[in-house]
Amino acid sequence: MRFTDMLSMSVNSLFKRKMRTIMTIMGVVIGTASIVVMVSLGLGLRRTTLENASQWGSLTQIEVFAGGSDQYGGAAEGPVTDTETLLSEGAIDKIKLLEHVQSVEPILDARVVLKQGIYETSATLRGTTIKHLEDMNLPLESGSLPKADGTIKLLYGNVVQIQFTNTRTNKGYWETNEVPDVKLMEPMFVIYDTDTYYAGKNQNSNQGIEAPSVSSDSGDGGTVEQKKQAKKYLTDPAGVIAGGVESYFSYSWDVYVELEALKNQLRTVFKKNHIPGQPTMKNGKPFPELYYSELIVNVDDMENVESVSEAIKGIGYVTRSDSDWIQSELDQANSIQTMLGGIGAVSLLVAAIGIANTMMMSIYERTKEIGVYKVLGCAMSNIRSMFLIEAAFIGFVGGIFGTGLSYLVSFIINKASEGGDGVLGGVSGSGISYIPIWLSLSSIVFATGVGVISGLLPAIRAMKLSPLAAIRNE
C-alpha cells in the first residue's frame, strides 16, 4: 500500500467522525498554545535581561583598570614604584595576545570644569579612539562623533546638561527641577587645571570678591599662587547623545573626545608639570608617558568573558565585567522558563491522553474493517502506519492552530503590558512574551510527535487483532 493511499484513508476515517476529531484537535490546540505561551514568557524575560544589560554595556566587554587600584576606575594616582601594572601601550600589547581577545580600546579620563555664561559644572572628559566610539553605536540627538583631526570636539552624554549649576544662585536641576539653559551645540569654555581654578575661587570667596570669569595669560599648571587664574579654552561641540534627562546609561554622564587630541591638549596645558589623575615617580615628578585610566577589552563571545577576565587578572590588572550578574539573571530566567514550560506541558499531556482515547475508540469501531484488511493480505506495518498517521494528523493540525493561538495570546499579553500603564504593568524592551521562529516550528513538531506517541499503543493493538475474530465482530 502506497503512503498516499494510507494518508487518504486515514484522513477520510477521521472526518467520518468530525465532532470527535475536532474536539480532540481542540485539546491539542489548547495544550500547544499553553506550553508555547508559557515558554515565551521565560524567553521574554531572558531577552529583556539581555536588552537591559546591553544598554548599560556590551555583553562581551571587559573593563580593565590599573593593578593595585582600590577602586573600579581611575589611574593609580600618586607615587608608584611598579609601572608594570599601569595601563600603558605595553599593557595593551600584552592583552591583545590573549586568546579570544578581538580588540583593546584605551580610555583616558580627565576631570575638567565646563563653563557657559552663568552656568558651570565639573565633568569627565573621556578620551577614546574613534573606532571605540563607532563600536558603541551611540544614538545621536544632534551633531556627529568627534573626528581624528587633532582638535578637541565635545560629544555630550544625554544627562550632562542637568549637571550644570547656576553660579549666581548655586542651584541646579536637582534643586529647581528645571533644565539649565545651556546650549550644548554652542562653544563651551573648558578648564583643565581644576586645582588652580577652584583654589582661585576659594581665595576670592574668602576675600568677598567675585571670582574673575576670564583669564588669558596663564594656565600652565604647577603650584597655585594667590593671583594665578586657570586658563579657559573655548571648545566647539561635536554632538549630543540622544536620550531624555531621566534616561541613564553608561554613556549618559560623560563627555567624549578623541583620544590623541585630549593627550595633546593635556600636554599643552600642563607642559612638564604633573597632570591630575596621573601617577608620579617616587620623587614626585611626572612620568614622560601618559597612562590610561581604563581599557575596554572586546571578547569574541560572552562564554569566553570569564576566562579572558581571569587571564587579565593573572597579568596583574583589575577587571570588571557584567557577565557574572548577567549569567545569574539568565540562570534565574531559565529556571522560570522551565517551570512555566512544565505547567504548559500538563495541558499537552491531557491532550495526548485525549488522542490515545480517540484512537482506541476508533479501533473498537473499525474492528471489522481491520479484519478485512488483514484477510486481504494488508501488511501489519501498513495497518500500524494508518493509525499512526491519524494520530500524527491530529497532533500536526492541533500544533499549527495552537501555535497560531499562542501568537494571538502573546500579542494580547504584550499589548496589555505596553508603555508602563497597561493592565499587567509596563516593561521596557520588546514585550514580556517572545515567540521566536524556532519555538513555533518546534511546537508543531513536538505536537506531531506527541500525537504519534499517543497513537502508538492503539496502533499496536490494531496489529494484534485476530483477522477471523475481527470479521465476526459486530
Protein backbone atom coordinates (compact mmCIF):
# COMPACT_ATOMS: atom_id res chain seq x y z
CA MET A 1 0.00 0.00 0.00
CA ARG A 2 1.37 3.38 -1.00
CA PHE A 3 1.88 6.16 1.54
CA THR A 4 -0.57 8.43 -0.29
CA ASP A 5 -3.23 5.71 -0.07
CA MET A 6 -2.66 5.32 3.67
CA LEU A 7 -2.76 9.10 4.15
CA SER A 8 -6.02 9.42 2.21
CA MET A 9 -7.67 6.56 4.10
CA SER A 10 -6.53 7.92 7.48
CA VAL A 11 -7.83 11.45 6.84
CA ASN A 12 -11.13 10.16 5.47
CA SER A 13 -11.54 7.96 8.53
CA LEU A 14 -11.01 10.92 10.85
CA PHE A 15 -13.56 13.09 9.10
CA LYS A 16 -16.20 10.37 9.28
CA ARG A 17 -16.37 11.30 12.97
CA LYS A 18 -15.92 15.07 12.62
CA MET A 19 -17.09 16.18 16.04
CA ARG A 20 -14.87 13.77 17.96
CA THR A 21 -11.89 14.63 15.75
CA ILE A 22 -12.45 18.38 16.16
CA MET A 23 -12.76 18.09 19.94
CA THR A 24 -9.54 16.04 20.09
CA ILE A 25 -7.74 18.60 17.92
CA MET A 26 -9.02 21.38 20.20
CA GLY A 27 -7.36 19.64 23.13
CA VAL A 28 -4.05 19.67 21.24
CA VAL A 29 -4.58 23.33 20.28
CA ILE A 30 -5.04 24.35 23.90
CA GLY A 31 -2.13 22.21 25.07
CA THR A 32 0.23 23.55 22.38
CA ALA A 33 -0.80 27.16 22.98
CA SER A 34 -0.33 26.74 26.73
CA ILE A 35 3.20 25.40 26.51
CA VAL A 36 4.27 27.91 23.81
CA VAL A 37 2.91 30.91 25.74
CA MET A 38 4.48 29.72 28.98
CA VAL A 39 7.87 29.21 27.34
CA SER A 40 7.53 32.57 25.55
CA LEU A 41 7.21 34.33 28.92
CA GLY A 42 10.53 32.83 30.01
CA LEU A 43 12.15 33.77 26.69
CA GLY A 44 10.77 37.28 27.01
CA LEU A 45 12.29 37.62 30.48
CA ARG A 46 15.63 36.39 29.13
CA ARG A 47 15.54 38.80 26.20
CA THR A 48 14.59 41.73 28.44
CA THR A 49 17.53 40.90 30.73
CA LEU A 50 19.95 40.91 27.80
CA GLU A 51 18.48 44.11 26.34
CA ASN A 52 18.75 45.95 29.66
CA ALA A 53 22.30 44.69 30.12
CA SER A 54 23.34 45.77 26.63
CA GLN A 55 22.04 49.29 27.31
CA TRP A 56 24.49 49.62 30.21
CA GLY A 57 27.39 47.97 28.44
CA SER A 58 28.36 45.31 25.97
CA LEU A 59 27.90 41.69 26.99
CA THR A 60 31.30 40.81 25.51
CA GLN A 61 33.34 43.64 27.04
CA ILE A 62 35.72 43.65 29.99
CA GLU A 63 36.78 46.84 31.76
CA VAL A 64 40.42 46.76 32.83
CA PHE A 65 41.96 49.05 35.47
CA ALA A 66 45.47 49.52 36.81
CA GLY A 67 46.69 46.83 39.17
CA GLY A 68 46.59 47.68 42.85
CA SER A 69 43.69 50.12 42.42
CA ASP A 70 41.49 50.42 45.47
CA GLN A 71 38.50 51.23 43.29
CA TYR A 72 36.98 50.34 39.96
CA GLY A 73 38.22 53.13 37.77
CA GLY A 74 40.82 55.82 37.52
CA ALA A 75 44.54 55.62 37.14
CA ALA A 76 46.79 54.85 40.08
CA GLU A 77 47.34 58.47 41.10
CA GLY A 78 50.32 59.32 43.30
CA PRO A 79 53.87 57.93 43.57
CA VAL A 80 54.32 54.42 42.16
CA THR A 81 57.31 52.11 42.03
CA ASP A 82 55.94 49.37 39.76
CA THR A 83 54.86 50.59 36.33
CA GLU A 84 54.16 47.06 35.08
CA THR A 85 50.59 47.16 36.38
CA LEU A 86 49.83 50.61 34.94
CA LEU A 87 47.75 50.84 31.79
CA SER A 88 50.33 51.68 29.16
CA GLU A 89 50.74 50.87 25.47
CA GLY A 90 52.67 47.81 26.63
CA ALA A 91 49.64 46.65 28.63
CA ILE A 92 47.52 46.90 25.51
CA ASP A 93 50.01 44.77 23.55
CA LYS A 94 50.05 42.09 26.28
CA ILE A 95 46.28 41.85 26.49
CA LYS A 96 45.92 41.68 22.71
CA LEU A 97 47.96 38.47 22.72
CA LEU A 98 45.39 36.66 24.89
CA GLU A 99 43.13 34.09 23.26
CA HIS A 100 39.59 35.22 22.35
CA VAL A 101 40.54 38.93 22.57
CA GLN A 102 39.36 40.78 19.47
CA SER A 103 40.47 44.31 20.30
CA VAL A 104 41.61 46.56 23.15
CA GLU A 105 40.49 50.20 23.26
CA PRO A 106 42.16 52.69 25.65
CA ILE A 107 40.32 55.37 27.61
CA LEU A 108 41.92 58.42 29.21
CA ASP A 109 39.81 60.34 31.73
CA ALA A 110 40.37 63.99 32.58
CA ARG A 111 38.38 65.93 35.16
CA VAL A 112 37.52 69.39 33.87
CA VAL A 113 35.20 72.31 34.52
CA LEU A 114 32.73 73.29 31.81
CA LYS A 115 31.51 76.90 31.73
CA GLN A 116 28.96 78.68 29.58
CA GLY A 117 27.59 82.03 30.69
CA ILE A 118 26.41 81.82 34.30
CA TYR A 119 26.42 78.01 34.26
CA GLU A 120 29.24 75.66 35.15
CA THR A 121 29.78 72.03 36.11
CA SER A 122 32.51 69.55 36.87
CA ALA A 123 32.67 66.84 34.21
CA THR A 124 34.79 63.96 32.98
CA LEU A 125 36.30 64.10 29.51
CA ARG A 126 36.65 60.54 28.23
CA GLY A 127 39.28 60.37 25.54
CA THR A 128 38.97 57.27 23.39
CA THR A 129 39.52 56.10 19.84
CA ILE A 130 37.12 56.84 17.01
CA LYS A 131 36.77 53.09 16.48
CA HIS A 132 35.55 52.61 20.04
CA LEU A 133 33.05 55.45 19.67
CA GLU A 134 31.75 53.89 16.46
CA ASP A 135 31.53 50.46 18.11
CA MET A 136 29.45 51.93 20.95
CA ASN A 137 26.65 52.69 18.44
CA LEU A 138 25.71 55.83 20.31
CA PRO A 139 22.33 57.29 19.29
CA LEU A 140 22.85 60.96 18.42
CA GLU A 141 20.31 63.69 19.02
CA SER A 142 22.37 66.23 17.10
CA GLY A 143 25.82 66.65 15.59
CA SER A 144 28.19 63.77 14.93
CA LEU A 145 31.01 61.79 16.51
CA PRO A 146 34.35 63.57 17.09
CA LYS A 147 36.88 63.20 14.28
CA ALA A 148 40.58 62.34 14.45
CA ASP A 149 41.67 65.73 13.13
CA GLY A 150 43.82 66.78 16.09
CA THR A 151 41.27 69.16 17.61
CA ILE A 152 39.05 68.56 20.63
CA LYS A 153 35.34 68.42 19.88
CA LEU A 154 32.90 67.63 22.70
CA LEU A 155 30.35 64.82 22.45
CA TYR A 156 27.97 65.27 25.40
CA GLY A 157 26.15 62.49 27.23
CA ASN A 158 22.38 62.92 27.37
CA VAL A 159 22.29 63.98 31.05
CA VAL A 160 25.33 66.27 31.09
CA GLN A 161 23.08 69.31 30.70
CA ILE A 162 21.27 68.75 34.00
CA GLN A 163 24.60 68.68 35.88
CA PHE A 164 25.18 72.41 35.32
CA THR A 165 24.69 74.81 38.22
CA ASN A 166 23.73 78.47 38.12
CA THR A 167 26.76 80.24 39.66
CA ARG A 168 24.62 83.16 40.79
CA THR A 169 22.12 81.10 42.77
CA ASN A 170 24.25 77.97 43.33
CA LYS A 171 21.20 75.95 42.31
CA GLY A 172 20.80 73.39 39.57
CA TYR A 173 18.33 70.91 38.16
CA TRP A 174 18.11 68.86 41.36
CA GLU A 175 17.04 71.91 43.38
CA THR A 176 14.77 73.65 40.84
CA ASN A 177 13.64 70.69 38.69
CA GLU A 178 14.32 72.92 35.68
CA VAL A 179 16.82 72.01 32.96
CA PRO A 180 19.63 74.63 32.90
CA ASP A 181 19.60 76.92 29.87
CA VAL A 182 22.87 75.59 28.48
CA LYS A 183 23.35 75.42 24.71
CA LEU A 184 25.38 72.26 24.25
CA MET A 185 25.67 72.77 20.50
CA GLU A 186 27.40 76.10 21.04
CA PRO A 187 31.09 76.62 22.06
CA MET A 188 31.90 75.80 25.69
CA PHE A 189 34.75 77.00 27.93
CA VAL A 190 36.79 74.05 29.22
CA ILE A 191 39.09 74.44 32.25
CA TYR A 192 41.64 71.64 32.58
CA ASP A 193 43.62 72.97 35.55
CA THR A 194 40.80 72.45 38.02
CA ASP A 195 43.04 72.69 41.11
CA THR A 196 44.09 76.22 40.17
CA TYR A 197 40.55 77.17 39.22
CA TYR A 198 38.94 76.06 42.50
CA ALA A 199 41.81 77.47 44.56
CA GLY A 200 41.24 80.85 42.92
CA LYS A 201 37.51 80.67 43.58
CA ASN A 202 38.11 79.86 47.25
CA GLN A 203 40.56 82.74 47.69
CA ASN A 204 38.21 85.24 46.08
CA SER A 205 35.30 83.90 48.12
CA ASN A 206 37.28 84.36 51.35
CA GLN A 207 38.08 87.94 50.33
CA GLY A 208 34.45 88.66 49.42
CA ILE A 209 35.38 89.34 45.80
CA GLU A 210 33.54 87.88 42.84
CA ALA A 211 35.74 85.36 41.03
CA PRO A 212 37.12 86.58 37.68
CA SER A 213 35.44 84.90 34.70
CA VAL A 214 38.15 85.39 32.04
CA SER A 215 41.91 84.94 32.04
CA SER A 216 44.14 84.66 29.00
CA ASP A 217 47.78 84.68 30.03
CA SER A 218 48.16 81.70 32.37
CA GLY A 219 47.08 78.07 32.53
CA ASP A 220 50.41 76.26 32.59
CA GLY A 221 49.56 74.29 35.75
CA GLY A 222 52.05 73.94 38.56
CA THR A 223 52.00 75.49 42.01
CA VAL A 224 48.93 77.60 42.72
CA GLU A 225 49.77 81.21 43.54
CA GLN A 226 47.46 83.73 45.08
CA LYS A 227 46.68 85.70 41.91
CA LYS A 228 47.03 82.87 39.45
CA GLN A 229 43.97 82.01 37.37
CA ALA A 230 43.32 78.84 35.38
CA LYS A 231 43.10 79.31 31.65
CA LYS A 232 39.83 78.64 29.83
CA TYR A 233 39.80 77.01 26.41
CA LEU A 234 36.87 77.76 24.14
CA THR A 235 35.92 74.40 22.61
CA ASP A 236 33.47 73.54 19.84
CA PRO A 237 30.85 70.79 20.20
CA ALA A 238 30.75 67.58 18.17
CA GLY A 239 27.28 66.43 19.13
CA VAL A 240 24.82 65.38 21.82
CA ILE A 241 23.84 61.79 22.57
CA ALA A 242 20.10 61.14 22.32
CA GLY A 243 18.01 60.40 25.40
CA GLY A 244 15.95 62.26 27.96
CA VAL A 245 17.32 63.74 31.15
CA GLU A 246 15.99 60.73 33.08
CA SER A 247 17.38 58.07 30.72
CA TYR A 248 20.51 56.82 32.44
CA PHE A 249 23.02 54.69 30.54
CA SER A 250 26.73 54.04 30.94
CA TYR A 251 27.49 56.83 28.47
CA SER A 252 24.98 59.38 29.79
CA TRP A 253 27.11 61.28 32.32
CA ASP A 254 30.38 61.89 30.47
CA VAL A 255 31.75 63.98 27.63
CA TYR A 256 33.58 62.06 24.91
CA VAL A 257 36.54 63.39 22.93
CA GLU A 258 39.11 61.93 20.55
CA LEU A 259 41.97 60.30 22.48
CA GLU A 260 45.04 61.78 20.76
CA ALA A 261 43.52 65.26 20.78
CA LEU A 262 42.99 65.01 24.55
CA LYS A 263 46.57 63.80 25.09
CA ASN A 264 47.97 66.75 23.15
CA GLN A 265 45.72 69.20 24.99
CA LEU A 266 46.78 67.92 28.42
CA ARG A 267 50.45 68.21 27.45
CA THR A 268 49.82 71.74 26.19
CA VAL A 269 48.03 72.84 29.35
CA PHE A 270 50.30 71.24 31.96
CA LYS A 271 53.55 71.09 29.95
CA LYS A 272 56.09 69.23 32.13
CA ASN A 273 54.07 69.56 35.31
CA HIS A 274 52.02 66.82 36.93
CA ILE A 275 48.70 66.08 35.24
CA PRO A 276 45.87 65.39 37.72
CA GLY A 277 44.84 61.75 37.74
CA GLN A 278 48.25 60.56 36.52
CA PRO A 279 50.78 58.59 38.63
CA THR A 280 54.13 60.10 39.56
CA MET A 281 57.62 58.81 40.22
CA LYS A 282 58.91 58.35 43.77
CA ASN A 283 60.40 61.85 43.64
CA GLY A 284 57.02 63.32 42.72
CA LYS A 285 57.90 64.09 39.13
CA PRO A 286 55.51 63.01 36.36
CA PHE A 287 56.24 60.15 34.00
CA PRO A 288 57.02 61.11 30.42
CA GLU A 289 54.25 58.74 29.27
CA LEU A 290 50.54 59.27 29.81
CA TYR A 291 48.92 56.22 31.40
CA TYR A 292 45.35 55.28 30.57
CA SER A 293 42.52 55.31 33.08
CA GLU A 294 40.82 52.25 31.66
CA LEU A 295 41.00 49.70 28.87
CA ILE A 296 37.97 48.19 27.14
CA VAL A 297 38.66 44.61 26.05
CA ASN A 298 36.32 43.16 23.42
CA VAL A 299 35.95 39.38 23.59
CA ASP A 300 34.70 37.19 20.73
CA ASP A 301 31.89 35.54 22.73
CA MET A 302 30.14 36.06 26.07
CA GLU A 303 31.03 32.49 27.04
CA ASN A 304 34.73 33.44 26.97
CA VAL A 305 34.46 36.64 29.03
CA GLU A 306 35.16 34.92 32.35
CA SER A 307 38.27 33.06 31.12
CA VAL A 308 39.72 36.19 29.49
CA SER A 309 38.98 38.20 32.63
CA GLU A 310 40.87 35.67 34.76
CA ALA A 311 43.81 35.76 32.34
CA ILE A 312 43.98 39.55 32.58
CA LYS A 313 43.88 39.36 36.38
CA GLY A 314 46.78 36.92 36.16
CA ILE A 315 48.85 39.59 34.41
CA GLY A 316 48.27 41.92 37.36
CA TYR A 317 45.35 44.13 36.40
CA VAL A 318 41.92 44.69 37.94
CA THR A 319 38.92 43.70 35.81
CA ARG A 320 35.19 44.21 35.84
CA SER A 321 32.51 42.79 33.55
CA ASP A 322 28.77 42.37 33.54
CA SER A 323 28.98 38.66 32.74
CA ASP A 324 28.68 37.49 36.36
CA TRP A 325 25.42 39.19 37.25
CA ILE A 326 24.06 38.70 33.73
CA GLN A 327 24.68 34.95 33.98
CA SER A 328 22.93 34.91 37.35
CA GLU A 329 19.93 36.69 35.84
CA LEU A 330 19.91 34.32 32.85
CA ASP A 331 20.04 31.29 35.14
CA GLN A 332 17.04 32.65 37.01
CA ALA A 333 15.23 33.28 33.71
CA ASN A 334 15.98 29.71 32.60
CA SER A 335 14.56 28.35 35.85
CA ILE A 336 11.38 30.36 35.41
CA GLN A 337 11.18 29.26 31.77
CA THR A 338 11.50 25.59 32.76
CA MET A 339 8.83 25.95 35.43
CA LEU A 340 6.40 27.71 33.09
CA GLY A 341 7.10 25.16 30.36
CA GLY A 342 6.31 22.36 32.80
CA ILE A 343 2.98 23.98 33.64
CA GLY A 344 2.13 24.20 29.94
CA ALA A 345 3.23 20.61 29.36
CA VAL A 346 0.46 19.40 31.70
CA SER A 347 -2.13 20.67 29.20
CA LEU A 348 -0.38 18.89 26.36
CA LEU A 349 -0.27 15.69 28.42
CA VAL A 350 -4.03 15.87 28.83
CA ALA A 351 -4.32 16.36 25.06
CA ALA A 352 -2.12 13.29 24.50
CA ILE A 353 -4.47 11.20 26.63
CA GLY A 354 -7.35 12.52 24.53
CA ILE A 355 -5.59 11.44 21.31
CA ALA A 356 -4.96 7.96 22.72
CA ASN A 357 -8.61 7.68 23.77
CA THR A 358 -9.84 8.78 20.34
CA MET A 359 -7.61 6.28 18.56
CA MET A 360 -8.63 3.46 20.88
CA MET A 361 -12.32 4.20 20.26
CA SER A 362 -11.61 4.26 16.54
CA ILE A 363 -10.12 0.75 16.73
CA TYR A 364 -13.18 -0.60 18.57
CA GLU A 365 -15.45 0.94 15.94
CA ARG A 366 -13.37 -0.31 12.99
CA THR A 367 -12.55 -3.81 14.21
CA LYS A 368 -14.30 -5.49 11.26
CA GLU A 369 -12.60 -3.11 8.81
CA ILE A 370 -9.21 -4.03 10.27
CA GLY A 371 -10.06 -7.73 9.92
CA VAL A 372 -10.93 -7.24 6.25
CA TYR A 373 -7.59 -5.52 5.65
CA LYS A 374 -5.77 -8.46 7.19
CA VAL A 375 -7.71 -11.08 5.23
CA LEU A 376 -6.95 -9.22 2.00
CA GLY A 377 -3.25 -9.50 2.82
CA CYS A 378 -2.55 -5.98 4.04
CA ALA A 379 0.83 -5.86 5.80
CA MET A 380 0.89 -5.37 9.56
CA SER A 381 3.15 -2.36 9.12
CA ASN A 382 0.56 -0.71 6.86
CA ILE A 383 -2.19 -1.18 9.44
CA ARG A 384 0.08 0.30 12.11
CA SER A 385 1.05 3.20 9.83
CA MET A 386 -2.60 4.10 9.11
CA PHE A 387 -3.38 4.59 12.79
CA LEU A 388 -0.11 6.41 13.45
CA ILE A 389 -0.84 8.75 10.53
CA GLU A 390 -4.27 9.50 12.00
CA ALA A 391 -2.73 10.31 15.38
CA ALA A 392 0.06 12.37 13.77
CA PHE A 393 -2.52 14.29 11.71
CA ILE A 394 -4.43 15.24 14.85
CA GLY A 395 -1.19 16.40 16.51
CA PHE A 396 0.01 18.27 13.41
CA VAL A 397 -3.22 20.19 12.83
CA GLY A 398 -3.57 20.91 16.54
CA GLY A 399 0.05 22.10 16.63
CA ILE A 400 -0.48 24.54 13.75
CA PHE A 401 -3.65 26.06 15.20
CA GLY A 402 -2.17 26.02 18.71
CA THR A 403 0.90 27.94 17.53
CA GLY A 404 -1.35 30.47 15.80
CA LEU A 405 -3.38 30.86 19.00
CA SER A 406 -0.18 31.33 21.02
CA TYR A 407 0.83 34.26 18.77
CA LEU A 408 -2.55 35.87 19.41
CA VAL A 409 -2.26 35.38 23.18
CA SER A 410 1.33 36.69 23.11
CA PHE A 411 0.18 39.80 21.23
CA ILE A 412 -2.57 40.45 23.78
CA ILE A 413 -0.14 40.00 26.70
CA ASN A 414 2.38 42.41 25.19
CA LYS A 415 -0.30 44.97 24.41
CA ALA A 416 -1.64 44.72 27.96
CA SER A 417 1.84 45.44 29.36
CA GLU A 418 2.85 48.10 26.85
CA GLY A 419 4.03 51.56 27.87
CA GLY A 420 4.00 51.18 31.63
CA ASP A 421 0.27 51.87 32.01
CA GLY A 422 -1.03 48.53 30.80
CA VAL A 423 -3.12 46.07 32.74
CA LEU A 424 -0.05 43.97 33.51
CA GLY A 425 2.20 46.93 34.30
CA GLY A 426 4.83 48.19 31.90
CA VAL A 427 8.12 46.68 30.91
CA SER A 428 10.96 48.14 28.93
CA GLY A 429 12.18 46.42 25.81
CA SER A 430 10.18 44.40 23.27
CA GLY A 431 7.48 42.82 25.46
CA ILE A 432 7.21 40.20 28.17
CA SER A 433 6.22 37.44 25.73
CA TYR A 434 8.55 36.49 22.89
CA ILE A 435 7.96 33.66 20.39
CA PRO A 436 10.94 33.08 18.08
CA ILE A 437 10.58 31.11 14.85
CA TRP A 438 12.38 28.10 16.29
CA LEU A 439 9.81 27.85 19.09
CA SER A 440 6.94 27.93 16.59
CA LEU A 441 8.44 25.18 14.44
CA SER A 442 9.44 23.14 17.48
CA SER A 443 5.93 23.33 18.91
CA ILE A 444 4.41 21.96 15.68
CA VAL A 445 6.97 19.15 15.50
CA PHE A 446 6.51 18.42 19.21
CA ALA A 447 2.71 18.30 18.93
CA THR A 448 3.01 15.95 15.94
CA GLY A 449 5.41 13.76 17.91
CA VAL A 450 3.04 13.68 20.87
CA GLY A 451 0.29 12.55 18.51
CA VAL A 452 2.44 9.74 17.13
CA ILE A 453 3.42 8.54 20.61
CA SER A 454 -0.21 8.72 21.78
CA GLY A 455 -1.32 6.60 18.83
CA LEU A 456 1.42 4.00 19.23
CA LEU A 457 -0.38 1.70 21.70
CA PRO A 458 -3.70 1.79 19.79
CA ALA A 459 -1.81 1.02 16.56
CA ILE A 460 -0.09 -1.98 18.16
CA ARG A 461 -3.46 -3.20 19.43
CA ALA A 462 -4.85 -2.96 15.89
CA MET A 463 -1.93 -5.05 14.61
CA LYS A 464 -2.60 -7.81 17.16
CA LEU A 465 -6.28 -8.26 16.35
CA SER A 466 -7.17 -11.75 15.05
CA PRO A 467 -8.47 -11.48 11.45
CA LEU A 468 -11.27 -14.04 11.90
CA ALA A 469 -12.36 -12.65 15.27
CA ALA A 470 -12.31 -9.15 13.83
CA ILE A 471 -14.50 -10.12 10.87
CA ARG A 472 -17.05 -11.83 13.15
CA ASN A 473 -17.18 -8.71 15.35
CA GLU A 474 -20.46 -6.80 15.12
